[in-house]
Amino acid sequence: MDMNTLLPIIIQIIAGIAGGQAVGAAIKTAAMGQLPKILGGAIGGVGGAAILGSLLGSGAVDPAAAAAATSGLGSALNLNNILGGAGGGAILTGILGAVMGAMKK
């Protein structure tokens, strides 16, 4: 697997875990352990970034600008990966927290 393919996924996972940890800390009633928050955040991060990327679309891109952006970390640190990852991780962790809280009752 190429590093240009792997780096955006790593960014999405890290952003998703950060979003999942934030929601897990905010929702004290669910009493979730670390493993559900990490897994929910990581899976939600990749899914959220994919959904946001498909909603925003790629649009028309200048080939010269695309070549410059894909050289290095710049292409992985974009809005789709960071905001989509954090939002998706937060949403999925919140859903998991609500389900786990409802199952304990």
C-alpha atoms as a PDB file:
ATOM      1  CA  MET A   1       0.000   0.000   0.000  1.00  0.00           C
ATOM      2  CA  ASP A   2       1.306   3.425  -0.977  1.00  0.00           C
ATOM      3  CA  MET A   3       1.944   6.042   1.715  1.00  0.00           C
ATOM      4  CA  ASN A   4      -0.205   8.558  -0.196  1.00  0.00           C
ATOM      5  CA  THR A   5      -3.116   6.159   0.242  1.00  0.00           C
ATOM      6  CA  LEU A   6      -2.395   5.223   3.847  1.00  0.00           C
ATOM      7  CA  LEU A   7      -1.716   8.686   5.297  1.00  0.00           C
ATOM      8  CA  PRO A   8      -5.268  10.090   4.863  1.00  0.00           C
ATOM      9  CA  ILE A   9      -6.695   6.981   6.551  1.00  0.00           C
ATOM     10  CA  ILE A  10      -4.323   7.433   9.491  1.00  0.00           C
ATOM     11  CA  ILE A  11      -5.378  11.104   9.792  1.00  0.00           C
ATOM     12  CA  GLN A  12      -9.057  10.054   9.703  1.00  0.00           C
ATOM     13  CA  ILE A  13      -8.522   7.442  12.418  1.00  0.00           C
ATOM     14  CA  ILE A  14      -6.656   9.866  14.691  1.00  0.00           C
ATOM     15  CA  ALA A  15      -9.267  12.597  14.196  1.00  0.00           C
ATOM     16  CA  GLY A  16     -12.046  10.059  14.797  1.00  0.00           C
ATOM     17  CA  ILE A  17     -10.466   8.854  18.032  1.00  0.00           C
ATOM     18  CA  ALA A  18     -10.125  12.467  19.190  1.00  0.00           C
ATOM     19  CA  GLY A  19     -13.795  13.129  18.408  1.00  0.00           C
ATOM     20  CA  GLY A  20     -14.841   9.892  20.100  1.00  0.00           C
ATOM     21  CA  GLN A  21     -12.846  10.696  23.231  1.00  0.00           C
ATOM     22  CA  ALA A  22     -14.395  14.172  23.401  1.00  0.00           C
ATOM     23  CA  VAL A  23     -17.933  12.824  23.198  1.00  0.00           C
ATOM     24  CA  GLY A  24     -17.114   9.978  25.580  1.00  0.00           C
ATOM     25  CA  ALA A  25     -15.851  12.484  28.137  1.00  0.00           C
ATOM     26  CA  ALA A  26     -18.910  14.693  27.655  1.00  0.00           C
ATOM     27  CA  ILE A  27     -21.416  11.854  28.063  1.00  0.00           C
ATOM     28  CA  LYS A  28     -20.818  10.597  31.577  1.00  0.00           C
ATOM     29  CA  THR A  29     -24.153   8.717  31.778  1.00  0.00           C
ATOM     30  CA  ALA A  30     -23.054   6.053  29.285  1.00  0.00           C
ATOM     31  CA  ALA A  31     -20.055   5.036  31.426  1.00  0.00           C
ATOM     32  CA  MET A  32     -18.215   3.726  28.387  1.00  0.00           C
ATOM     33  CA  GLY A  33     -14.814   2.116  28.664  1.00  0.00           C
ATOM     34  CA  GLN A  34     -11.832   3.166  26.571  1.00  0.00           C
ATOM     35  CA  LEU A  35     -12.140   0.366  24.014  1.00  0.00           C
ATOM     36  CA  PRO A  36     -15.638   1.311  22.746  1.00  0.00           C
ATOM     37  CA  LYS A  37     -14.626   4.978  22.568  1.00  0.00           C
ATOM     38  CA  ILE A  38     -11.459   4.195  20.607  1.00  0.00           C
ATOM     39  CA  LEU A  39     -13.083   1.699  18.235  1.00  0.00           C
ATOM     40  CA  GLY A  40     -16.187   3.811  17.710  1.00  0.00           C
ATOM     41  CA  GLY A  41     -14.066   6.876  17.079  1.00  0.00           C
ATOM     42  CA  ALA A  42     -11.722   5.137  14.647  1.00  0.00           C
ATOM     43  CA  ILE A  43     -14.481   3.472  12.629  1.00  0.00           C
ATOM     44  CA  GLY A  44     -16.635   6.590  12.704  1.00  0.00           C
ATOM     45  CA  GLY A  45     -13.671   8.718  11.664  1.00  0.00           C
ATOM     46  CA  VAL A  46     -13.020   6.768   8.497  1.00  0.00           C
ATOM     47  CA  GLY A  47     -16.738   6.534   7.709  1.00  0.00           C
ATOM     48  CA  GLY A  48     -17.417  10.188   8.453  1.00  0.00           C
ATOM     49  CA  ALA A  49     -14.547  11.359   6.275  1.00  0.00           C
ATOM     50  CA  ALA A  50     -15.744   9.141   3.430  1.00  0.00           C
ATOM     51  CA  ILE A  51     -19.301  10.476   3.717  1.00  0.00           C
ATOM     52  CA  LEU A  52     -18.158  14.096   3.908  1.00  0.00           C
ATOM     53  CA  GLY A  53     -15.841  13.579   0.953  1.00  0.00           C
ATOM     54  CA  SER A  54     -18.651  12.148  -1.150  1.00  0.00           C
ATOM     55  CA  LEU A  55     -21.042  14.938  -0.141  1.00  0.00           C
ATOM     56  CA  LEU A  56     -18.592  17.713  -0.944  1.00  0.00           C
ATOM     57  CA  GLY A  57     -17.389  16.011  -4.109  1.00  0.00           C
ATOM     58  CA  SER A  58     -14.045  16.506  -5.694  1.00  0.00           C
ATOM     59  CA  GLY A  59     -15.140  19.143  -8.204  1.00  0.00           C
ATOM     60  CA  ALA A  60     -12.934  20.468 -10.942  1.00  0.00           C
ATOM     61  CA  VAL A  61      -9.308  20.436  -9.851  1.00  0.00           C
ATOM     62  CA  ASP A  62      -6.398  22.093 -11.601  1.00  0.00           C
ATOM     63  CA  PRO A  63      -3.923  19.299 -12.450  1.00  0.00           C
ATOM     64  CA  ALA A  64      -0.925  21.449 -11.481  1.00  0.00           C
ATOM     65  CA  ALA A  65      -2.480  22.288  -8.105  1.00  0.00           C
ATOM     66  CA  ALA A  66      -3.357  18.643  -7.524  1.00  0.00           C
ATOM     67  CA  ALA A  67       0.211  17.557  -8.239  1.00  0.00           C
ATOM     68  CA  ALA A  68       1.568  20.157  -5.823  1.00  0.00           C
ATOM     69  CA  ALA A  69      -0.938  19.218  -3.122  1.00  0.00           C
ATOM     70  CA  THR A  70      -0.291  15.485  -3.314  1.00  0.00           C
ATOM     71  CA  SER A  71       3.404  15.829  -2.604  1.00  0.00           C
ATOM     72  CA  GLY A  72       3.715  15.239   1.125  1.00  0.00           C
ATOM     73  CA  LEU A  73       1.433  15.779   4.074  1.00  0.00           C
ATOM     74  CA  GLY A  74      -0.612  18.594   2.503  1.00  0.00           C
ATOM     75  CA  SER A  75      -3.075  16.302   0.753  1.00  0.00           C
ATOM     76  CA  ALA A  76      -3.839  14.311   3.901  1.00  0.00           C
ATOM     77  CA  LEU A  77      -4.426  17.349   6.103  1.00  0.00           C
ATOM     78  CA  ASN A  78      -7.560  18.617   4.429  1.00  0.00           C
ATOM     79  CA  LEU A  79     -11.050  19.456   5.662  1.00  0.00           C
ATOM     80  CA  ASN A  80     -12.574  16.141   4.615  1.00  0.00           C
ATOM     81  CA  ASN A  81     -10.110  14.080   6.615  1.00  0.00           C
ATOM     82  CA  ILE A  82      -9.953  16.183   9.768  1.00  0.00           C
ATOM     83  CA  LEU A  83     -13.516  17.469  10.190  1.00  0.00           C
ATOM     84  CA  GLY A  84     -15.135  14.396   8.681  1.00  0.00           C
ATOM     85  CA  GLY A  85     -13.012  12.144  10.868  1.00  0.00           C
ATOM     86  CA  ALA A  86     -13.660  14.048  14.090  1.00  0.00           C
ATOM     87  CA  GLY A  87     -17.366  14.459  13.348  1.00  0.00           C
ATOM     88  CA  GLY A  88     -17.866  10.853  12.317  1.00  0.00           C
ATOM     89  CA  GLY A  89     -15.980   9.583  15.348  1.00  0.00           C
ATOM     90  CA  ALA A  90     -18.011  11.794  17.666  1.00  0.00           C
ATOM     91  CA  ILE A  91     -21.334  10.779  16.127  1.00  0.00           C
ATOM     92  CA  LEU A  92     -20.654   7.036  16.144  1.00  0.00           C
ATOM     93  CA  THR A  93     -19.295   7.157  19.701  1.00  0.00           C
ATOM     94  CA  GLY A  94     -22.373   9.097  20.796  1.00  0.00           C
ATOM     95  CA  ILE A  95     -24.633   6.489  19.219  1.00  0.00           C
ATOM     96  CA  LEU A  96     -22.662   3.691  20.881  1.00  0.00           C
ATOM     97  CA  GLY A  97     -22.907   5.499  24.219  1.00  0.00           C
ATOM     98  CA  ALA A  98     -26.662   5.885  23.866  1.00  0.00           C
ATOM     99  CA  VAL A  99     -27.114   2.216  22.951  1.00  0.00           C
ATOM    100  CA  MET A 100     -24.874   1.032  25.786  1.00  0.00           C
ATOM    101  CA  GLY A 101     -26.678   3.315  28.224  1.00  0.00           C
ATOM    102  CA  ALA A 102     -30.056   1.996  27.105  1.00  0.00           C
ATOM    103  CA  MET A 103     -28.896  -1.617  27.430  1.00  0.00           C
ATOM    104  CA  LYS A 104     -27.861  -1.080  31.060  1.00  0.00           C
ATOM    105  CA  LYS A 105     -31.361   0.020  32.054  1.00  0.00           C
END
